Amino acid sequence: MLPLELYYAPTPNGWKVTIFLEEADVPYKVVPLDLGAGDQFTESFLKISPNGRMPAVYDPNMQMSVFESGAIMIHVADNYPGARWLLPVDPRPRAKVLEWLFWVNAGLGPMAGQASHFKYYAPVLDKSADHHYGQHRYTKEFERLVSVMDRQLGNTGQFLAGPYSIADIAAYPWVKPWKRWMGKSLEASGYTNVQRWYDSIKARPAENRGMAVLRKQAVASQAVRESGTLPDGALSTLFQKRADSKL
């Protein structure tokens, strides 16, 4: 089996895939992307990921590329035996896993991403604007979605769709910054089921290996965000460029 080529940067969407591949024991090699430098807008990458976003993979065993984290996990789970335990084949449990995977990718992830944007980036992009509404709006929606998780985990007893699955892996990196953003733990916030779920995933060896991929870059990037002194060139690349072949 040839290793998958994973186009990656250490962000929640990237961590989903590294944790998943570590759990599945599917070999991969990382192709690092410097998002601030605009690697995601190169002609070669846009052929793999037309949206100009990572993660994406090139699968040399099937001679095809896949972009979007959820699509990557489904592709690998359906085609690599080591990953099949993370996405059931039987239609009923499979539907439950896919429900929660799509819930993460359409709700929890985007809302957490917007909460992060208005916390770290918007105040630097426009220093004269009042960003209170955006900060409040997305932080509260992020919290609402975590409350949905807490209720679901109370019903299932352990993981989002029953057994541990790609839905849990997809959600985990977005819940990880809760304490840093909210100022107190999940348990102290009243989300004891999510705290238990989070702790159980954090203790998994595959989580440690997946989160370790390009860890130094992740730590450095977070330090820059916390400093509030993001380079103008990186800000322009991240938020003002269009992903087209002219860039």
C-alpha atoms as a PDB file:
ATOM      1  CA  MET A   1       0.000   0.000   0.000  1.00  0.00           C
ATOM      2  CA  LEU A   2       1.362   3.394  -0.996  1.00  0.00           C
ATOM      3  CA  PRO A   3       0.985   6.202   1.556  1.00  0.00           C
ATOM      4  CA  LEU A   4      -1.672   8.830   1.011  1.00  0.00           C
ATOM      5  CA  GLU A   5      -0.361  12.321   0.308  1.00  0.00           C
ATOM      6  CA  LEU A   6      -1.962  14.614   2.872  1.00  0.00           C
ATOM      7  CA  TYR A   7      -1.945  18.337   2.109  1.00  0.00           C
ATOM      8  CA  TYR A   8      -2.026  19.726   5.589  1.00  0.00           C
ATOM      9  CA  ALA A   9      -1.646  22.591   8.014  1.00  0.00           C
ATOM     10  CA  PRO A  10      -2.067  22.207  11.801  1.00  0.00           C
ATOM     11  CA  THR A  11      -5.613  23.523  12.194  1.00  0.00           C
ATOM     12  CA  PRO A  12      -8.796  21.817  13.450  1.00  0.00           C
ATOM     13  CA  ASN A  13      -9.673  20.662   9.935  1.00  0.00           C
ATOM     14  CA  GLY A  14      -6.176  19.284   9.466  1.00  0.00           C
ATOM     15  CA  TRP A  15      -6.141  17.580  12.867  1.00  0.00           C
ATOM     16  CA  LYS A  16      -9.359  15.731  12.050  1.00  0.00           C
ATOM     17  CA  VAL A  17      -7.595  13.888   9.265  1.00  0.00           C
ATOM     18  CA  THR A  18      -4.288  13.188  11.023  1.00  0.00           C
ATOM     19  CA  ILE A  19      -6.095  11.778  14.074  1.00  0.00           C
ATOM     20  CA  PHE A  20      -8.347   9.719  11.805  1.00  0.00           C
ATOM     21  CA  LEU A  21      -5.455   8.302   9.765  1.00  0.00           C
ATOM     22  CA  GLU A  22      -3.576   7.456  12.951  1.00  0.00           C
ATOM     23  CA  GLU A  23      -6.635   5.663  14.339  1.00  0.00           C
ATOM     24  CA  ALA A  24      -7.065   3.801  11.049  1.00  0.00           C
ATOM     25  CA  ASP A  25      -3.363   2.925  10.778  1.00  0.00           C
ATOM     26  CA  VAL A  26      -3.407   4.045   7.148  1.00  0.00           C
ATOM     27  CA  PRO A  27       0.037   5.221   5.997  1.00  0.00           C
ATOM     28  CA  TYR A  28       0.352   8.827   4.886  1.00  0.00           C
ATOM     29  CA  LYS A  29       2.972  11.432   4.198  1.00  0.00           C
ATOM     30  CA  VAL A  30       2.423  15.090   4.939  1.00  0.00           C
ATOM     31  CA  VAL A  31       2.729  17.800   2.314  1.00  0.00           C
ATOM     32  CA  PRO A  32       2.909  20.930   4.524  1.00  0.00           C
ATOM     33  CA  LEU A  33       0.973  24.011   3.449  1.00  0.00           C
ATOM     34  CA  ASP A  34       1.922  27.495   4.610  1.00  0.00           C
ATOM     35  CA  LEU A  35      -1.490  29.163   4.576  1.00  0.00           C
ATOM     36  CA  GLY A  36      -0.112  32.614   5.377  1.00  0.00           C
ATOM     37  CA  ALA A  37       2.187  32.382   2.360  1.00  0.00           C
ATOM     38  CA  GLY A  38      -0.660  31.331   0.069  1.00  0.00           C
ATOM     39  CA  ASP A  39       0.320  27.726  -0.672  1.00  0.00           C
ATOM     40  CA  GLN A  40      -3.389  26.897  -0.873  1.00  0.00           C
ATOM     41  CA  PHE A  41      -3.781  29.145  -3.928  1.00  0.00           C
ATOM     42  CA  THR A  42      -1.110  27.585  -6.118  1.00  0.00           C
ATOM     43  CA  GLU A  43      -2.121  26.054  -9.439  1.00  0.00           C
ATOM     44  CA  SER A  44      -0.967  22.610  -8.355  1.00  0.00           C
ATOM     45  CA  PHE A  45      -3.006  22.654  -5.148  1.00  0.00           C
ATOM     46  CA  LEU A  46      -6.140  24.060  -6.783  1.00  0.00           C
ATOM     47  CA  LYS A  47      -6.162  21.021  -9.072  1.00  0.00           C
ATOM     48  CA  ILE A  48      -6.544  18.891  -5.943  1.00  0.00           C
ATOM     49  CA  SER A  49      -8.717  21.253  -3.904  1.00  0.00           C
ATOM     50  CA  PRO A  50     -10.646  23.657  -6.174  1.00  0.00           C
ATOM     51  CA  ASN A  51     -11.898  25.596  -3.138  1.00  0.00           C
ATOM     52  CA  GLY A  52      -8.347  26.513  -2.145  1.00  0.00           C
ATOM     53  CA  ARG A  53      -8.762  25.014   1.305  1.00  0.00           C
ATOM     54  CA  MET A  54      -7.068  22.188   3.105  1.00  0.00           C
ATOM     55  CA  PRO A  55      -7.009  19.359   4.018  1.00  0.00           C
ATOM     56  CA  ALA A  56      -6.902  17.403   0.804  1.00  0.00           C
ATOM     57  CA  VAL A  57      -5.393  14.075  -0.125  1.00  0.00           C
ATOM     58  CA  TYR A  58      -4.038  12.442  -3.212  1.00  0.00           C
ATOM     59  CA  ASP A  59      -4.639   8.699  -3.075  1.00  0.00           C
ATOM     60  CA  PRO A  60      -1.976   7.015  -5.242  1.00  0.00           C
ATOM     61  CA  ASN A  61      -3.545   3.604  -4.726  1.00  0.00           C
ATOM     62  CA  MET A  62      -6.760   4.718  -6.427  1.00  0.00           C
ATOM     63  CA  GLN A  63      -5.129   7.494  -8.473  1.00  0.00           C
ATOM     64  CA  MET A  64      -7.573  10.150  -7.325  1.00  0.00           C
ATOM     65  CA  SER A  65      -7.689  13.222  -5.114  1.00  0.00           C
ATOM     66  CA  VAL A  66     -10.249  14.098  -2.446  1.00  0.00           C
ATOM     67  CA  PHE A  67     -10.815  17.438  -0.729  1.00  0.00           C
ATOM     68  CA  GLU A  68     -12.952  18.347   2.319  1.00  0.00           C
ATOM     69  CA  SER A  69     -12.211  16.621   5.619  1.00  0.00           C
ATOM     70  CA  GLY A  70     -15.507  14.730   5.789  1.00  0.00           C
ATOM     71  CA  ALA A  71     -15.165  13.438   2.238  1.00  0.00           C
ATOM     72  CA  ILE A  72     -11.606  12.334   2.983  1.00  0.00           C
ATOM     73  CA  MET A  73     -12.667  10.344   6.037  1.00  0.00           C
ATOM     74  CA  ILE A  74     -15.551   8.687   4.200  1.00  0.00           C
ATOM     75  CA  HIS A  75     -13.314   7.841   1.227  1.00  0.00           C
ATOM     76  CA  VAL A  76     -10.653   6.241   3.391  1.00  0.00           C
ATOM     77  CA  ALA A  77     -13.142   4.409   5.631  1.00  0.00           C
ATOM     78  CA  ASP A  78     -14.913   2.948   2.601  1.00  0.00           C
ATOM     79  CA  ASN A  79     -11.744   1.857   0.809  1.00  0.00           C
ATOM     80  CA  TYR A  80      -9.156   0.915   3.442  1.00  0.00           C
ATOM     81  CA  PRO A  81      -9.886  -2.050   5.740  1.00  0.00           C
ATOM     82  CA  GLY A  82      -8.050  -0.541   8.711  1.00  0.00           C
ATOM     83  CA  ALA A  83     -10.440   2.406   8.754  1.00  0.00           C
ATOM     84  CA  ARG A  84     -13.747   0.585   8.339  1.00  0.00           C
ATOM     85  CA  TRP A  85     -14.406   0.281  12.064  1.00  0.00           C
ATOM     86  CA  LEU A  86     -14.778   4.079  12.194  1.00  0.00           C
ATOM     87  CA  LEU A  87     -17.701   4.208   9.721  1.00  0.00           C
ATOM     88  CA  PRO A  88     -20.229   1.354   9.831  1.00  0.00           C
ATOM     89  CA  VAL A  89     -21.237  -0.428   6.640  1.00  0.00           C
ATOM     90  CA  ASP A  90     -24.711  -1.316   7.929  1.00  0.00           C
ATOM     91  CA  PRO A  91     -27.111   1.425   6.739  1.00  0.00           C
ATOM     92  CA  ARG A  92     -28.715   2.238  10.097  1.00  0.00           C
ATOM     93  CA  PRO A  93     -25.614   2.926  12.238  1.00  0.00           C
ATOM     94  CA  ARG A  94     -23.883   4.417   9.191  1.00  0.00           C
ATOM     95  CA  ALA A  95     -26.678   6.976   8.834  1.00  0.00           C
ATOM     96  CA  LYS A  96     -26.291   7.982  12.480  1.00  0.00           C
ATOM     97  CA  VAL A  97     -22.546   8.519  12.100  1.00  0.00           C
ATOM     98  CA  LEU A  98     -23.057  10.548   8.922  1.00  0.00           C
ATOM     99  CA  GLU A  99     -25.755  12.665  10.605  1.00  0.00           C
ATOM    100  CA  TRP A 100     -23.304  13.774  13.256  1.00  0.00           C
ATOM    101  CA  LEU A 101     -20.385  14.104  10.851  1.00  0.00           C
ATOM    102  CA  PHE A 102     -22.430  16.486   8.692  1.00  0.00           C
ATOM    103  CA  TRP A 103     -23.644  18.291  11.824  1.00  0.00           C
ATOM    104  CA  VAL A 104     -20.025  18.952  12.744  1.00  0.00           C
ATOM    105  CA  ASN A 105     -18.976  20.050   9.274  1.00  0.00           C
ATOM    106  CA  ALA A 106     -22.043  22.235   8.667  1.00  0.00           C
ATOM    107  CA  GLY A 107     -22.519  23.606  12.186  1.00  0.00           C
ATOM    108  CA  LEU A 108     -19.998  23.089  14.962  1.00  0.00           C
ATOM    109  CA  GLY A 109     -16.909  23.615  12.802  1.00  0.00           C
ATOM    110  CA  PRO A 110     -18.044  26.733  10.913  1.00  0.00           C
ATOM    111  CA  MET A 111     -19.457  28.387  14.040  1.00  0.00           C
ATOM    112  CA  ALA A 112     -16.311  27.638  16.050  1.00  0.00           C
ATOM    113  CA  GLY A 113     -14.281  28.973  13.131  1.00  0.00           C
ATOM    114  CA  GLN A 114     -16.253  32.220  13.119  1.00  0.00           C
ATOM    115  CA  ALA A 115     -15.884  32.520  16.892  1.00  0.00           C
ATOM    116  CA  SER A 116     -12.130  32.206  16.412  1.00  0.00           C
ATOM    117  CA  HIS A 117     -12.152  34.717  13.548  1.00  0.00           C
ATOM    118  CA  PHE A 118     -13.920  37.412  15.555  1.00  0.00           C
ATOM    119  CA  LYS A 119     -11.749  36.740  18.599  1.00  0.00           C
ATOM    120  CA  TYR A 120      -8.369  36.840  16.857  1.00  0.00           C
ATOM    121  CA  TYR A 121      -8.564  38.172  13.309  1.00  0.00           C
ATOM    122  CA  ALA A 122     -11.396  40.696  12.969  1.00  0.00           C
ATOM    123  CA  PRO A 123      -9.968  43.108  15.584  1.00  0.00           C
ATOM    124  CA  VAL A 124      -6.675  43.162  13.662  1.00  0.00           C
ATOM    125  CA  LEU A 125      -8.246  43.406  10.210  1.00  0.00           C
ATOM    126  CA  ASP A 126     -10.361  46.422  11.211  1.00  0.00           C
ATOM    127  CA  LYS A 127      -9.154  48.122  14.369  1.00  0.00           C
ATOM    128  CA  SER A 128     -11.758  50.889  14.184  1.00  0.00           C
ATOM    129  CA  ALA A 129     -14.842  48.645  14.036  1.00  0.00           C
ATOM    130  CA  ASP A 130     -16.919  47.387  16.944  1.00  0.00           C
ATOM    131  CA  HIS A 131     -16.731  43.598  16.739  1.00  0.00           C
ATOM    132  CA  HIS A 132     -18.824  42.908  19.827  1.00  0.00           C
ATOM    133  CA  TYR A 133     -21.842  41.629  17.911  1.00  0.00           C
ATOM    134  CA  GLY A 134     -19.832  39.135  15.851  1.00  0.00           C
ATOM    135  CA  GLN A 135     -17.906  37.964  18.893  1.00  0.00           C
ATOM    136  CA  HIS A 136     -21.090  37.498  20.910  1.00  0.00           C
ATOM    137  CA  ARG A 137     -23.097  35.958  18.065  1.00  0.00           C
ATOM    138  CA  TYR A 138     -20.646  33.223  17.152  1.00  0.00           C
ATOM    139  CA  THR A 139     -19.433  32.488  20.669  1.00  0.00           C
ATOM    140  CA  LYS A 140     -23.018  31.945  21.824  1.00  0.00           C
ATOM    141  CA  GLU A 141     -23.831  29.784  18.800  1.00  0.00           C
ATOM    142  CA  PHE A 142     -20.687  27.738  19.434  1.00  0.00           C
ATOM    143  CA  GLU A 143     -21.848  27.258  23.012  1.00  0.00           C
ATOM    144  CA  ARG A 144     -25.342  26.289  21.863  1.00  0.00           C
ATOM    145  CA  LEU A 145     -23.885  23.593  19.637  1.00  0.00           C
ATOM    146  CA  VAL A 146     -21.749  22.279  22.485  1.00  0.00           C
ATOM    147  CA  SER A 147     -24.940  22.069  24.552  1.00  0.00           C
ATOM    148  CA  VAL A 148     -26.475  19.961  21.752  1.00  0.00           C
ATOM    149  CA  MET A 149     -23.445  17.678  21.990  1.00  0.00           C
ATOM    150  CA  ASP A 150     -23.813  17.439  25.743  1.00  0.00           C
ATOM    151  CA  ARG A 151     -27.438  16.347  25.458  1.00  0.00           C
ATOM    152  CA  GLN A 152     -26.613  13.794  22.751  1.00  0.00           C
ATOM    153  CA  LEU A 153     -23.722  12.352  24.730  1.00  0.00           C
ATOM    154  CA  GLY A 154     -25.997  12.057  27.738  1.00  0.00           C
ATOM    155  CA  ASN A 155     -28.339   9.956  25.610  1.00  0.00           C
ATOM    156  CA  THR A 156     -25.698   7.741  23.977  1.00  0.00           C
ATOM    157  CA  GLY A 157     -23.554   7.349  27.076  1.00  0.00           C
ATOM    158  CA  GLN A 158     -20.140   7.705  25.459  1.00  0.00           C
ATOM    159  CA  PHE A 159     -19.800   8.904  21.853  1.00  0.00           C
ATOM    160  CA  LEU A 160     -21.920  10.944  19.440  1.00  0.00           C
ATOM    161  CA  ALA A 161     -23.379   8.125  17.344  1.00  0.00           C
ATOM    162  CA  GLY A 162     -22.866   5.172  19.683  1.00  0.00           C
ATOM    163  CA  PRO A 163     -19.421   3.604  19.121  1.00  0.00           C
ATOM    164  CA  TYR A 164     -16.392   5.830  18.533  1.00  0.00           C
ATOM    165  CA  SER A 165     -16.452   7.031  14.928  1.00  0.00           C
ATOM    166  CA  ILE A 166     -15.387   9.638  12.403  1.00  0.00           C
ATOM    167  CA  ALA A 167     -18.090  11.928  13.839  1.00  0.00           C
ATOM    168  CA  ASP A 168     -16.246  12.108  17.162  1.00  0.00           C
ATOM    169  CA  ILE A 169     -12.904  12.628  15.449  1.00  0.00           C
ATOM    170  CA  ALA A 170     -14.366  15.480  13.384  1.00  0.00           C
ATOM    171  CA  ALA A 171     -15.842  17.222  16.428  1.00  0.00           C
ATOM    172  CA  TYR A 172     -12.895  16.858  18.780  1.00  0.00           C
ATOM    173  CA  PRO A 173     -10.506  19.512  17.371  1.00  0.00           C
ATOM    174  CA  TRP A 174     -13.266  22.137  17.426  1.00  0.00           C
ATOM    175  CA  VAL A 175     -14.042  21.483  21.089  1.00  0.00           C
ATOM    176  CA  LYS A 176     -10.370  21.469  22.059  1.00  0.00           C
ATOM    177  CA  PRO A 177      -9.986  25.289  22.395  1.00  0.00           C
ATOM    178  CA  TRP A 178     -13.094  25.655  24.611  1.00  0.00           C
ATOM    179  CA  LYS A 179     -11.240  26.536  27.819  1.00  0.00           C
ATOM    180  CA  ARG A 180      -8.959  29.032  26.061  1.00  0.00           C
ATOM    181  CA  TRP A 181     -11.912  30.779  24.412  1.00  0.00           C
ATOM    182  CA  MET A 182     -14.417  30.601  27.270  1.00  0.00           C
ATOM    183  CA  GLY A 183     -12.108  31.005  30.255  1.00  0.00           C
ATOM    184  CA  LYS A 184     -13.271  27.888  32.091  1.00  0.00           C
ATOM    185  CA  SER A 185     -13.432  24.149  31.522  1.00  0.00           C
ATOM    186  CA  LEU A 186     -16.294  22.292  29.889  1.00  0.00           C
ATOM    187  CA  GLU A 187     -17.148  20.727  33.234  1.00  0.00           C
ATOM    188  CA  ALA A 188     -17.165  24.097  34.996  1.00  0.00           C
ATOM    189  CA  SER A 189     -19.415  25.378  32.198  1.00  0.00           C
ATOM    190  CA  GLY A 190     -21.931  22.633  32.950  1.00  0.00           C
ATOM    191  CA  TYR A 191     -21.093  20.366  30.008  1.00  0.00           C
ATOM    192  CA  THR A 192     -20.012  17.326  31.980  1.00  0.00           C
ATOM    193  CA  ASN A 193     -20.873  14.852  29.216  1.00  0.00           C
ATOM    194  CA  VAL A 194     -18.732  16.736  26.697  1.00  0.00           C
ATOM    195  CA  GLN A 195     -15.906  16.958  29.242  1.00  0.00           C
ATOM    196  CA  ARG A 196     -15.981  13.180  29.736  1.00  0.00           C
ATOM    197  CA  TRP A 197     -16.092  12.642  25.950  1.00  0.00           C
ATOM    198  CA  TYR A 198     -13.239  15.100  25.388  1.00  0.00           C
ATOM    199  CA  ASP A 199     -11.042  13.508  28.067  1.00  0.00           C
ATOM    200  CA  SER A 200     -11.601  10.020  26.653  1.00  0.00           C
ATOM    201  CA  ILE A 201     -10.489  11.088  23.155  1.00  0.00           C
ATOM    202  CA  LYS A 202      -7.560  13.132  24.437  1.00  0.00           C
ATOM    203  CA  ALA A 203      -6.254  10.010  26.188  1.00  0.00           C
ATOM    204  CA  ARG A 204      -6.175   7.966  22.973  1.00  0.00           C
ATOM    205  CA  PRO A 205      -2.665   7.330  21.550  1.00  0.00           C
ATOM    206  CA  ALA A 206      -3.863   8.202  18.032  1.00  0.00           C
ATOM    207  CA  GLU A 207      -4.969  11.634  19.263  1.00  0.00           C
ATOM    208  CA  ASN A 208      -1.480  12.282  20.580  1.00  0.00           C
ATOM    209  CA  ARG A 209       0.151  11.186  17.338  1.00  0.00           C
ATOM    210  CA  GLY A 210      -2.302  13.097  15.151  1.00  0.00           C
ATOM    211  CA  MET A 211      -1.996  16.306  17.147  1.00  0.00           C
ATOM    212  CA  ALA A 212       1.810  16.038  17.072  1.00  0.00           C
ATOM    213  CA  VAL A 213       2.006  16.509  13.284  1.00  0.00           C
ATOM    214  CA  LEU A 214       3.677  19.905  12.724  1.00  0.00           C
ATOM    215  CA  ARG A 215       3.047  20.743  16.397  1.00  0.00           C
ATOM    216  CA  LYS A 216       5.779  23.408  16.491  1.00  0.00           C
ATOM    217  CA  GLN A 217       4.056  25.310  13.694  1.00  0.00           C
ATOM    218  CA  ALA A 218       0.723  25.047  15.516  1.00  0.00           C
ATOM    219  CA  VAL A 219       2.192  26.449  18.734  1.00  0.00           C
ATOM    220  CA  ALA A 220       3.909  29.274  16.864  1.00  0.00           C
ATOM    221  CA  SER A 221       0.730  30.172  14.971  1.00  0.00           C
ATOM    222  CA  GLN A 222      -1.314  30.277  18.171  1.00  0.00           C
ATOM    223  CA  ALA A 223       1.261  32.536  19.812  1.00  0.00           C
ATOM    224  CA  VAL A 224       0.994  34.956  16.887  1.00  0.00           C
ATOM    225  CA  ARG A 225      -2.820  34.951  17.079  1.00  0.00           C
ATOM    226  CA  GLU A 226      -2.754  35.590  20.814  1.00  0.00           C
ATOM    227  CA  SER A 227      -0.322  38.486  20.338  1.00  0.00           C
ATOM    228  CA  GLY A 228      -2.726  40.391  18.090  1.00  0.00           C
ATOM    229  CA  THR A 229       0.130  41.336  15.753  1.00  0.00           C
ATOM    230  CA  LEU A 230      -0.614  39.283  12.672  1.00  0.00           C
ATOM    231  CA  PRO A 231       1.513  40.149   9.617  1.00  0.00           C
ATOM    232  CA  ASP A 232      -0.347  42.251   7.038  1.00  0.00           C
ATOM    233  CA  GLY A 233       0.748  39.996   4.196  1.00  0.00           C
ATOM    234  CA  ALA A 234      -0.603  36.892   5.898  1.00  0.00           C
ATOM    235  CA  LEU A 235      -3.906  38.610   6.700  1.00  0.00           C
ATOM    236  CA  SER A 236      -4.318  39.659   3.079  1.00  0.00           C
ATOM    237  CA  THR A 237      -3.569  36.141   1.879  1.00  0.00           C
ATOM    238  CA  LEU A 238      -5.902  34.471   4.360  1.00  0.00           C
ATOM    239  CA  PHE A 239      -8.909  36.748   4.036  1.00  0.00           C
ATOM    240  CA  GLN A 240      -8.755  38.906   0.918  1.00  0.00           C
ATOM    241  CA  LYS A 241      -7.510  36.714  -1.915  1.00  0.00           C
ATOM    242  CA  ARG A 242      -9.755  34.731  -4.227  1.00  0.00           C
ATOM    243  CA  ALA A 243      -8.866  31.120  -4.952  1.00  0.00           C
ATOM    244  CA  ASP A 244      -8.486  31.329  -8.698  1.00  0.00           C
ATOM    245  CA  SER A 245      -5.766  30.544 -11.172  1.00  0.00           C
ATOM    246  CA  LYS A 246      -4.725  34.185 -11.507  1.00  0.00           C
ATOM    247  CA  LEU A 247      -3.361  34.391  -7.967  1.00  0.00           C
END
